[in-house]
Amino acid sequence: MTDESLKKTIRERLEGHISDHDLERYHLGMVTDELPALEEHLLRCADCIRRAEETADYVDAIRAGIIQGNWDL
C-alpha cells in the first residue's frame, strides 16, 4: 500500500468517528502516519473531542492504578 492510498484509507475511515482504540493510541502517542488526519477530525468533531477527553481520563486512571497498585505488568 502506498503512502497516498494509506492516507486516503485513513481519511475515509475518519469520515465517521474515531474508534475508541484509535483514541487510546492517540493519547498514548502511538499514532504515526494517521496523526494529521486524526487531529484534523478532532478539530471539527465535538463528539470525538469529548470522547478523546474521556479516553484520556480513562487511560490516566488505569496508569495511576497500576502505579499505586504496584503491579508488575
Protein backbone atom coordinates (compact mmCIF):
# COMPACT_ATOMS: atom_id res chain seq x y z
CA MET A 1 0.00 0.00 0.00
CA THR A 2 1.44 3.38 -0.98
CA ASP A 3 1.56 6.35 1.39
CA GLU A 4 -1.15 8.12 -0.59
CA SER A 5 -3.51 5.14 -0.56
CA LEU A 6 -2.87 4.67 3.17
CA LYS A 7 -3.72 8.33 3.83
CA LYS A 8 -6.85 8.03 1.67
CA THR A 9 -7.95 4.92 3.59
CA ILE A 10 -7.41 6.72 6.90
CA ARG A 11 -9.33 9.78 5.72
CA GLU A 12 -12.22 7.56 4.61
CA ARG A 13 -12.23 5.75 7.95
CA LEU A 14 -12.33 9.07 9.81
CA GLU A 15 -15.34 10.31 7.87
CA GLY A 16 -17.46 8.85 10.66
CA HIS A 17 -15.98 8.96 14.14
CA ILE A 18 -12.65 7.90 15.57
CA SER A 19 -12.68 4.46 17.20
CA ASP A 20 -12.05 4.08 20.92
CA HIS A 21 -8.94 2.06 20.08
CA ASP A 22 -7.53 4.89 17.95
CA LEU A 23 -8.35 7.45 20.65
CA GLU A 24 -6.40 5.36 23.17
CA ARG A 25 -3.48 5.07 20.74
CA TYR A 26 -3.62 8.85 20.19
CA HIS A 27 -3.44 9.58 23.92
CA LEU A 28 -0.56 7.13 24.33
CA GLY A 29 1.38 8.74 21.48
CA MET A 30 1.19 5.63 19.34
CA VAL A 31 -0.44 7.27 16.30
CA THR A 32 2.02 7.89 13.48
CA ASP A 33 1.02 8.06 9.81
CA GLU A 34 -2.61 8.85 10.50
CA LEU A 35 -1.85 11.66 13.01
CA PRO A 36 -2.66 14.62 10.69
CA ALA A 37 -5.99 13.12 9.60
CA LEU A 38 -6.92 12.21 13.17
CA GLU A 39 -6.07 15.67 14.52
CA GLU A 40 -7.93 17.34 11.65
CA HIS A 41 -11.00 15.28 12.53
CA LEU A 42 -10.68 16.27 16.21
CA LEU A 43 -10.68 19.94 15.20
CA ARG A 44 -14.18 19.67 13.76
CA CYS A 45 -15.93 16.88 15.65
CA ALA A 46 -17.24 17.82 19.10
CA ASP A 47 -18.32 14.23 19.82
CA CYS A 48 -14.83 12.85 19.19
CA ILE A 49 -13.27 15.66 21.24
CA ARG A 50 -15.49 14.70 24.17
CA ARG A 51 -14.67 11.03 23.73
CA ALA A 52 -10.94 11.82 23.43
CA GLU A 53 -11.08 13.66 26.77
CA GLU A 54 -12.94 10.74 28.37
CA THR A 55 -10.40 8.32 26.90
CA ALA A 56 -7.52 10.39 28.28
CA ASP A 57 -9.10 10.31 31.74
CA TYR A 58 -9.60 6.54 31.48
CA VAL A 59 -6.04 5.83 30.34
CA ASP A 60 -4.61 8.08 33.04
CA ALA A 61 -6.72 6.33 35.70
CA ILE A 62 -5.51 2.91 34.53
CA ARG A 63 -1.89 4.14 34.63
CA ALA A 64 -2.38 5.56 38.14
CA GLY A 65 -3.95 2.30 39.31
CA ILE A 66 -1.01 0.31 38.01
CA ILE A 67 1.46 2.62 39.76
CA GLN A 68 -0.48 2.76 43.03
CA GLY A 69 -1.22 -0.95 42.97
CA ASN A 70 2.46 -1.69 42.41
CA TRP A 71 1.50 -4.21 39.74
CA ASP A 72 4.24 -5.70 37.67
CA LEU A 73 2.94 -5.74 34.11
